[in-house]
């Protein structure tokens, strides 16, 4: 927390991150944004995400975002002296977050069960592809694999074509959200006990986080034998809601999937006959005649520019939006009015990072710093947290235990 800043809701909570890449680090990013002190331990070569995707001045901009507000020290966990450092850090932490394949920490003499036995108040959050139990627990699992196993990929894309992947790691981000929620629940349960309660294990599987997105897909199959299929730019069983091309080549999304909204859409399009047609008076009827309905809507949008469509539908209070890319997002005044971009300094230059919701009016979250350089806080954490002298830290560095 910066001097004079309002304390965050998690101020005073210490989180030790042993994760890498996306899922575990997303959870700790969320906790750090709302005030927790996050100490990230990464290998001497660094978290691989430091080099993923677009790189600026040798470092990934993704890292600058997901590593925000974290204190980073580089420790070789394959060495016993490195493991000893982590055990000492566990002793001063409320939460341990890891997202290695199950069994990895035990192999490194950092068995979570043993750590909890030594520190009963410790909360251990474990994020993995398939969870800590079950026949697939030992499988490696990135977001792409777990999005397939969790059923998300099957419902994406156009009917008859191969499933498509959004150009994002949705499964990892979802798992990070689930892990952060689990950690908050465990903290609440621990600290709500009159005499101070014990911690617990938070077991987050990426595929289960993906499964949570699937709405009624499972009960529909279980009870009715229905298997949800891809639906292109629309959504099964709800109409009209979809993507429509405009005269200028741009596209808009329109959601008019209630009776009152549909009436307003028809009025905005000048389709008074359709508004009165009994076939379109209910969602069931609109779904049954969706092909005709979509054809009429797109014929209308293709007769107007995207800006004209937006103006007409906004005047009619029909939910709609153009499809934005990153340039559109950065230029839209609503984002700035909501303070959705937070400036940080990196190598003497300003970088905008997206703010993280939700917005709390009394104890808001904030980005204090971008993801730091490798080992930026090794001396600080070992010195202030563990009481090591400069000579001791220098010796560890010469021995290759820390960097």
Protein backbone atom coordinates (compact mmCIF):
# COMPACT_ATOMS: atom_id res chain seq x y z
CA UNK A 1 0.00 0.00 0.00
CA UNK A 2 1.33 3.46 -0.88
CA UNK A 3 1.66 6.11 1.82
CA UNK A 4 -1.63 7.86 2.51
CA UNK A 5 -3.65 5.40 0.42
CA UNK A 6 -6.85 3.87 1.75
CA UNK A 7 -6.13 0.34 3.02
CA UNK A 8 -7.48 -2.40 0.79
CA UNK A 9 -9.91 -4.99 2.14
CA UNK A 10 -7.09 -7.56 2.24
CA UNK A 11 -4.53 -5.27 3.85
CA UNK A 12 -2.38 -7.30 6.26
CA UNK A 13 -2.89 -10.63 4.48
CA UNK A 14 0.36 -12.18 3.22
CA UNK A 15 0.15 -14.46 0.17
CA UNK A 16 3.06 -16.63 -0.95
CA UNK A 17 2.87 -17.52 -4.64
CA UNK A 18 4.74 -20.52 -5.97
CA UNK A 19 2.80 -20.60 -9.21
CA UNK A 20 3.78 -19.73 -12.73
CA UNK A 21 2.15 -18.84 -16.03
CA UNK A 22 -1.55 -17.91 -15.68
CA UNK A 23 -4.00 -19.70 -13.37
CA UNK A 24 -2.31 -19.43 -9.97
CA UNK A 25 -0.78 -16.01 -10.71
CA UNK A 26 -4.21 -14.71 -11.72
CA UNK A 27 -5.55 -15.60 -8.28
CA UNK A 28 -2.69 -13.81 -6.54
CA UNK A 29 -3.01 -10.81 -8.86
CA UNK A 30 -6.61 -10.41 -7.73
CA UNK A 31 -5.67 -10.70 -4.06
CA UNK A 32 -2.79 -8.27 -4.46
CA UNK A 33 -4.98 -5.76 -6.26
CA UNK A 34 -7.22 -5.58 -3.21
CA UNK A 35 -4.44 -5.07 -0.71
CA UNK A 36 -2.81 -8.41 0.08
CA UNK A 37 0.98 -8.51 0.16
CA UNK A 38 1.92 -11.01 -2.55
CA UNK A 39 5.40 -12.54 -2.45
CA UNK A 40 6.09 -14.39 -5.69
CA UNK A 41 8.80 -17.06 -5.73
CA UNK A 42 9.97 -17.92 -9.22
CA UNK A 43 12.91 -19.91 -10.59
CA UNK A 44 16.21 -18.13 -11.28
CA UNK A 45 15.39 -18.15 -15.00
CA UNK A 46 12.06 -16.46 -14.26
CA UNK A 47 8.41 -17.31 -14.81
CA UNK A 48 8.05 -18.27 -18.50
CA UNK A 49 5.22 -15.78 -18.87
CA UNK A 50 7.82 -13.02 -18.73
CA UNK A 51 8.51 -13.89 -22.39
CA UNK A 52 5.02 -14.82 -23.61
CA UNK A 53 3.21 -12.82 -26.30
CA UNK A 54 4.11 -9.20 -27.07
CA UNK A 55 7.42 -8.16 -25.49
CA UNK A 56 8.49 -4.59 -24.73
CA UNK A 57 12.10 -3.89 -23.76
CA UNK A 58 12.71 -7.59 -23.22
CA UNK A 59 9.69 -8.30 -21.01
CA UNK A 60 6.16 -9.44 -21.80
CA UNK A 61 3.43 -6.86 -21.30
CA UNK A 62 1.23 -9.72 -20.10
CA UNK A 63 3.70 -10.17 -17.24
CA UNK A 64 3.54 -6.46 -16.43
CA UNK A 65 -0.21 -6.92 -15.90
CA UNK A 66 -0.47 -10.31 -14.19
CA UNK A 67 2.60 -9.55 -12.04
CA UNK A 68 1.25 -6.22 -10.79
CA UNK A 69 1.60 -5.34 -7.10
CA UNK A 70 3.80 -8.40 -6.45
CA UNK A 71 7.16 -8.68 -4.71
CA UNK A 72 9.33 -11.04 -6.72
CA UNK A 73 12.29 -13.08 -5.59
CA UNK A 74 14.07 -15.77 -7.54
CA UNK A 75 14.76 -19.00 -5.64
CA UNK A 76 15.88 -22.40 -6.92
CA UNK A 77 13.30 -24.77 -5.40
CA UNK A 78 15.25 -27.80 -6.58
CA UNK A 79 17.94 -27.02 -4.02
CA UNK A 80 17.48 -27.82 -0.35
CA UNK A 81 18.58 -24.34 0.69
CA UNK A 82 15.97 -22.86 -1.63
CA UNK A 83 13.34 -25.13 -0.13
CA UNK A 84 14.38 -24.00 3.34
CA UNK A 85 13.82 -20.37 2.30
CA UNK A 86 10.30 -21.19 1.15
CA UNK A 87 9.52 -23.00 4.40
CA UNK A 88 10.54 -19.90 6.31
CA UNK A 89 8.36 -17.74 4.07
CA UNK A 90 5.42 -20.09 4.66
CA UNK A 91 5.79 -19.42 8.38
CA UNK A 92 5.04 -15.71 7.86
CA UNK A 93 2.25 -16.20 5.29
CA UNK A 94 -1.52 -16.54 5.53
CA UNK A 95 -1.94 -18.19 2.14
CA UNK A 96 0.19 -20.39 -0.09
CA UNK A 97 -0.83 -20.56 -3.77
CA UNK A 98 0.69 -23.12 -6.16
CA UNK A 99 -0.29 -24.38 -9.58
CA UNK A 100 2.19 -27.13 -10.34
CA UNK A 101 1.18 -30.62 -11.32
CA UNK A 102 -0.03 -32.52 -8.21
CA UNK A 103 2.90 -34.01 -6.31
CA UNK A 104 5.51 -31.50 -7.47
CA UNK A 105 5.78 -29.65 -4.16
CA UNK A 106 6.08 -32.93 -2.28
CA UNK A 107 8.96 -33.87 -4.59
CA UNK A 108 10.61 -30.59 -3.57
CA UNK A 109 10.21 -31.36 0.16
CA UNK A 110 7.39 -28.82 0.42
CA UNK A 111 4.49 -31.21 1.01
CA UNK A 112 1.36 -29.07 1.54
CA UNK A 113 -0.02 -31.42 4.21
CA UNK A 114 3.21 -31.15 6.18
CA UNK A 115 3.26 -27.37 5.82
CA UNK A 116 -0.29 -27.20 7.17
CA UNK A 117 0.61 -29.47 10.07
CA UNK A 118 3.41 -27.09 11.01
CA UNK A 119 1.26 -24.00 10.42
CA UNK A 120 -2.41 -24.87 11.15
CA UNK A 121 -3.71 -21.43 10.13
CA UNK A 122 -2.15 -21.68 6.68
CA UNK A 123 -4.51 -21.75 3.70
CA UNK A 124 -3.11 -23.78 0.80
CA UNK A 125 -4.63 -23.03 -2.60
CA UNK A 126 -3.75 -25.60 -5.25
CA UNK A 127 -4.66 -24.98 -8.88
CA UNK A 128 -4.23 -27.75 -11.45
CA UNK A 129 -5.76 -28.95 -14.66
CA UNK A 130 -7.75 -31.86 -13.23
CA UNK A 131 -7.71 -31.34 -9.46
CA UNK A 132 -5.81 -33.00 -6.63
CA UNK A 133 -7.83 -36.24 -6.70
CA UNK A 134 -9.49 -38.54 -9.20
CA UNK A 135 -8.08 -40.78 -11.95
CA UNK A 136 -6.86 -37.83 -14.05
CA UNK A 137 -5.21 -35.84 -11.24
CA UNK A 138 -1.68 -36.51 -12.48
CA UNK A 139 -2.42 -35.35 -16.03
CA UNK A 140 -0.84 -32.08 -17.14
CA UNK A 141 -3.50 -29.58 -18.09
CA UNK A 142 -3.29 -26.14 -19.63
CA UNK A 143 -6.32 -23.95 -20.31
CA UNK A 144 -6.72 -25.21 -23.88
CA UNK A 145 -6.91 -28.85 -22.81
CA UNK A 146 -9.25 -28.12 -19.91
CA UNK A 147 -11.54 -25.98 -22.06
CA UNK A 148 -11.94 -29.04 -24.28
CA UNK A 149 -12.42 -31.48 -21.39
CA UNK A 150 -14.75 -29.09 -19.57
CA UNK A 151 -17.14 -28.86 -22.53
CA UNK A 152 -16.57 -25.23 -23.52
CA UNK A 153 -14.93 -25.88 -26.87
CA UNK A 154 -17.79 -28.10 -28.04
CA UNK A 155 -20.28 -25.23 -27.98
CA UNK A 156 -18.04 -22.69 -29.75
CA UNK A 157 -17.90 -21.87 -33.43
CA UNK A 158 -20.21 -22.45 -36.36
CA UNK A 159 -22.27 -25.66 -36.71
CA UNK A 160 -20.45 -28.13 -38.93
CA UNK A 161 -17.04 -26.49 -38.51
CA UNK A 162 -14.31 -27.39 -35.99
CA UNK A 163 -14.62 -25.70 -32.58
CA UNK A 164 -12.85 -22.37 -32.28
CA UNK A 165 -10.79 -20.93 -29.46
CA UNK A 166 -11.14 -17.35 -28.26
CA UNK A 167 -7.66 -15.82 -28.47
CA UNK A 168 -7.38 -15.77 -24.67
CA UNK A 169 -6.65 -18.24 -21.85
CA UNK A 170 -10.22 -18.30 -20.57
CA UNK A 171 -9.84 -21.52 -18.57
CA UNK A 172 -6.81 -20.25 -16.68
CA UNK A 173 -8.43 -16.93 -15.86
CA UNK A 174 -11.61 -18.64 -14.68
CA UNK A 175 -9.58 -20.98 -12.49
CA UNK A 176 -7.77 -18.00 -11.01
CA UNK A 177 -11.11 -16.38 -10.17
CA UNK A 178 -12.34 -19.60 -8.56
CA UNK A 179 -9.14 -19.98 -6.57
CA UNK A 180 -9.33 -16.38 -5.34
CA UNK A 181 -12.95 -16.90 -4.27
CA UNK A 182 -11.99 -20.09 -2.45
CA UNK A 183 -9.15 -18.32 -0.68
CA UNK A 184 -11.45 -15.52 0.47
CA UNK A 185 -13.98 -18.04 1.77
CA UNK A 186 -11.25 -19.91 3.62
CA UNK A 187 -9.91 -16.68 5.12
CA UNK A 188 -13.39 -15.69 6.25
CA UNK A 189 -14.02 -19.09 7.81
CA UNK A 190 -10.64 -19.08 9.54
CA UNK A 191 -10.86 -15.58 10.93
CA UNK A 192 -14.55 -15.77 11.90
CA UNK A 193 -13.80 -18.33 14.60
CA UNK A 194 -13.80 -16.76 18.09
CA UNK A 195 -10.48 -18.30 19.09
CA UNK A 196 -8.96 -18.15 15.63
CA UNK A 197 -9.69 -21.01 13.30
CA UNK A 198 -7.58 -23.27 11.15
CA UNK A 199 -6.78 -22.91 7.49
CA UNK A 200 -7.81 -25.39 4.84
CA UNK A 201 -6.98 -26.60 1.35
CA UNK A 202 -8.58 -24.86 -1.64
CA UNK A 203 -8.53 -27.34 -4.53
CA UNK A 204 -9.26 -25.66 -7.87
CA UNK A 205 -9.36 -27.65 -11.11
CA UNK A 206 -9.24 -25.67 -14.33
CA UNK A 207 -11.74 -27.97 -16.05
CA UNK A 208 -14.21 -27.50 -13.17
CA UNK A 209 -13.92 -23.73 -13.49
CA UNK A 210 -14.72 -24.14 -17.19
CA UNK A 211 -17.64 -26.46 -16.41
CA UNK A 212 -19.16 -23.74 -14.22
CA UNK A 213 -19.72 -21.66 -17.38
CA UNK A 214 -21.99 -24.20 -19.00
CA UNK A 215 -25.30 -22.99 -17.57
CA UNK A 216 -27.95 -25.70 -18.10
CA UNK A 217 -25.91 -27.89 -20.46
CA UNK A 218 -25.54 -30.76 -17.97
CA UNK A 219 -29.13 -30.92 -16.63
CA UNK A 220 -30.51 -30.61 -20.18
CA UNK A 221 -28.51 -33.67 -21.18
CA UNK A 222 -29.26 -35.57 -17.98
CA UNK A 223 -33.02 -35.04 -17.97
CA UNK A 224 -33.89 -34.48 -21.63
CA UNK A 225 -31.03 -36.09 -23.54
CA UNK A 226 -30.24 -32.78 -25.24
CA UNK A 227 -26.63 -32.05 -26.18
CA UNK A 228 -25.96 -28.33 -26.69
CA UNK A 229 -24.32 -27.61 -30.06
CA UNK A 230 -22.41 -24.65 -31.49
CA UNK A 231 -24.65 -21.78 -32.53
CA UNK A 232 -22.40 -19.39 -34.43
CA UNK A 233 -23.08 -15.77 -33.50
CA UNK A 234 -26.36 -16.52 -31.72
CA UNK A 235 -27.16 -18.50 -28.57
CA UNK A 236 -29.34 -21.59 -28.38
CA UNK A 237 -32.89 -21.12 -27.14
CA UNK A 238 -32.91 -17.32 -26.87
CA UNK A 239 -33.86 -14.87 -29.63
CA UNK A 240 -33.04 -12.41 -30.87
CA UNK A 241 -29.50 -12.03 -29.59
CA UNK A 242 -26.66 -12.08 -32.06
CA UNK A 243 -24.10 -10.32 -34.20
CA UNK A 244 -25.21 -8.37 -37.25
CA UNK A 245 -23.29 -6.82 -40.14
CA UNK A 246 -23.78 -3.17 -40.99
CA UNK A 247 -23.48 -1.20 -44.22
CA UNK A 248 -19.98 0.06 -43.41
CA UNK A 249 -18.59 -3.43 -42.78
CA UNK A 250 -18.66 -3.09 -39.01
CA UNK A 251 -20.65 -5.42 -36.78
CA UNK A 252 -22.95 -4.85 -33.83
CA UNK A 253 -24.36 -7.13 -31.17
CA UNK A 254 -28.08 -6.75 -30.42
CA UNK A 255 -29.85 -8.35 -27.48
CA UNK A 256 -33.63 -7.95 -27.62
CA UNK A 257 -34.62 -11.26 -26.08
CA UNK A 258 -37.60 -10.24 -24.00
CA UNK A 259 -41.09 -9.31 -25.14
CA UNK A 260 -40.76 -5.60 -24.34
CA UNK A 261 -37.28 -5.33 -25.85
CA UNK A 262 -38.39 -7.12 -28.99
CA UNK A 263 -41.29 -4.70 -29.42
CA UNK A 264 -38.91 -1.75 -29.09
CA UNK A 265 -36.51 -3.32 -31.60
CA UNK A 266 -39.32 -3.77 -34.13
CA UNK A 267 -40.40 -0.15 -33.67
CA UNK A 268 -36.82 1.07 -34.16
CA UNK A 269 -36.55 -0.99 -37.37
CA UNK A 270 -39.97 0.14 -38.58
CA UNK A 271 -41.15 -3.49 -38.56
CA UNK A 272 -44.60 -2.91 -37.07
CA UNK A 273 -46.03 -5.94 -38.87
CA UNK A 274 -43.46 -8.20 -37.24
CA UNK A 275 -44.14 -6.57 -33.88
CA UNK A 276 -47.79 -7.63 -34.17
CA UNK A 277 -47.11 -11.08 -35.64
CA UNK A 278 -48.24 -13.71 -33.08
CA UNK A 279 -45.35 -15.97 -34.12
CA UNK A 280 -42.91 -13.54 -32.51
CA UNK A 281 -44.80 -12.68 -29.33
CA UNK A 282 -42.84 -15.08 -27.10
CA UNK A 283 -39.27 -16.28 -26.88
CA UNK A 284 -40.45 -19.78 -27.80
CA UNK A 285 -42.05 -18.46 -30.97
CA UNK A 286 -39.06 -16.32 -31.89
CA UNK A 287 -36.73 -19.30 -31.46
CA UNK A 288 -39.00 -21.45 -33.65
CA UNK A 289 -38.81 -18.82 -36.41
CA UNK A 290 -35.27 -17.63 -35.71
CA UNK A 291 -33.99 -17.98 -39.27
CA UNK A 292 -36.62 -15.59 -40.59
CA UNK A 293 -36.16 -13.27 -37.63
CA UNK A 294 -32.38 -13.04 -38.06
CA UNK A 295 -32.77 -12.39 -41.79
CA UNK A 296 -35.06 -9.42 -41.16
CA UNK A 297 -32.79 -7.90 -38.51
CA UNK A 298 -29.64 -8.21 -40.62
CA UNK A 299 -31.38 -6.80 -43.69
CA UNK A 300 -32.13 -3.75 -41.55
CA UNK A 301 -28.63 -3.40 -40.08
CA UNK A 302 -27.03 -3.76 -43.51
CA UNK A 303 -29.02 -0.74 -44.62
CA UNK A 304 -27.35 1.43 -41.97
CA UNK A 305 -23.90 2.20 -40.68
CA UNK A 306 -22.94 0.82 -37.28
CA UNK A 307 -23.17 4.32 -35.81
CA UNK A 308 -26.69 4.75 -37.21
CA UNK A 309 -27.79 1.38 -35.82
CA UNK A 310 -26.37 2.28 -32.43
CA UNK A 311 -28.10 5.67 -32.39
CA UNK A 312 -31.49 4.22 -33.34
CA UNK A 313 -31.31 1.37 -30.82
CA UNK A 314 -29.97 3.51 -28.00
CA UNK A 315 -32.87 5.91 -28.56
CA UNK A 316 -35.23 2.93 -28.30
CA UNK A 317 -33.45 1.58 -25.17
CA UNK A 318 -32.56 -1.68 -26.90
CA UNK A 319 -29.31 -3.26 -25.61
CA UNK A 320 -26.64 -3.07 -28.30
CA UNK A 321 -22.93 -2.56 -28.79
CA UNK A 322 -20.42 -2.37 -31.58
CA UNK A 323 -17.77 -5.09 -31.47
CA UNK A 324 -14.71 -3.41 -30.01
CA UNK A 325 -11.03 -4.14 -30.47
CA UNK A 326 -8.30 -2.82 -28.17
CA UNK A 327 -8.06 0.53 -29.99
CA UNK A 328 -11.80 1.08 -29.59
CA UNK A 329 -11.60 0.23 -25.89
CA UNK A 330 -8.77 2.70 -25.27
CA UNK A 331 -10.62 5.46 -27.14
CA UNK A 332 -14.07 5.07 -25.58
CA UNK A 333 -14.83 7.79 -22.98
CA UNK A 334 -16.92 5.46 -20.82
CA UNK A 335 -13.86 3.40 -19.93
CA UNK A 336 -11.98 6.50 -18.83
CA UNK A 337 -14.95 7.90 -16.94
CA UNK A 338 -14.97 4.67 -14.95
CA UNK A 339 -11.18 4.94 -14.41
CA UNK A 340 -10.69 1.63 -16.15
CA UNK A 341 -7.08 2.30 -17.15
CA UNK A 342 -4.47 2.66 -14.42
CA UNK A 343 -1.12 4.23 -15.32
CA UNK A 344 2.11 2.72 -14.01
CA UNK A 345 5.71 3.56 -14.80
CA UNK A 346 7.91 0.96 -16.47
CA UNK A 347 11.49 1.89 -17.36
CA UNK A 348 10.61 5.58 -17.12
CA UNK A 349 7.62 5.34 -19.45
CA UNK A 350 3.89 5.22 -18.69
CA UNK A 351 2.00 2.00 -19.29
CA UNK A 352 -1.77 1.61 -18.97
CA UNK A 353 -3.08 -1.51 -17.25
CA UNK A 354 -6.78 -2.43 -17.04
CA UNK A 355 -8.34 -1.93 -13.63
CA UNK A 356 -9.84 -4.98 -11.93
CA UNK A 357 -13.45 -5.14 -10.77
CA UNK A 358 -15.51 -5.02 -8.73
CA UNK A 359 -15.28 -1.38 -7.67
CA UNK A 360 -15.55 -0.96 -3.90
CA UNK A 361 -16.41 2.55 -2.76
CA UNK A 362 -14.81 2.39 0.72
CA UNK A 363 -11.84 0.06 0.16
CA UNK A 364 -11.10 0.08 -3.56
CA UNK A 365 -8.43 -1.99 -5.23
CA UNK A 366 -5.61 -0.34 -7.12
CA UNK A 367 -2.58 -1.00 -9.25
CA UNK A 368 0.45 0.26 -7.35
CA UNK A 369 3.16 -1.14 -9.60
CA UNK A 370 3.57 -3.18 -12.76
CA UNK A 371 5.04 -6.67 -12.73
CA UNK A 372 8.63 -6.13 -11.55
CA UNK A 373 11.88 -7.29 -13.05
CA UNK A 374 13.20 -10.73 -12.14
CA UNK A 375 14.52 -10.84 -8.58
CA UNK A 376 13.61 -7.22 -7.93
CA UNK A 377 12.67 -7.92 -4.30
CA UNK A 378 14.99 -10.80 -3.42
CA UNK A 379 17.09 -8.70 -1.05
CA UNK A 380 14.06 -6.95 0.47
CA UNK A 381 12.11 -10.12 1.20
CA UNK A 382 15.07 -12.13 2.49
CA UNK A 383 16.29 -9.22 4.56
CA UNK A 384 13.11 -7.72 5.99
CA UNK A 385 10.92 -10.82 6.11
CA UNK A 386 13.49 -13.44 7.07
CA UNK A 387 16.14 -11.29 8.74
CA UNK A 388 19.04 -12.40 6.55
CA UNK A 389 22.08 -10.17 6.44
CA UNK A 390 23.54 -8.73 3.25
CA UNK A 391 26.46 -11.15 3.56
CA UNK A 392 24.10 -14.12 3.87
CA UNK A 393 22.08 -13.01 0.85
CA UNK A 394 25.24 -12.46 -1.19
CA UNK A 395 26.45 -15.96 -0.31
CA UNK A 396 23.10 -17.46 -1.39
CA UNK A 397 23.35 -15.58 -4.65
CA UNK A 398 26.91 -16.74 -5.32
CA UNK A 399 25.80 -20.32 -4.62
CA UNK A 400 23.00 -20.01 -7.19
CA UNK A 401 20.25 -20.52 -4.61
CA UNK A 402 18.71 -17.08 -5.22
CA UNK A 403 18.95 -14.49 -7.94
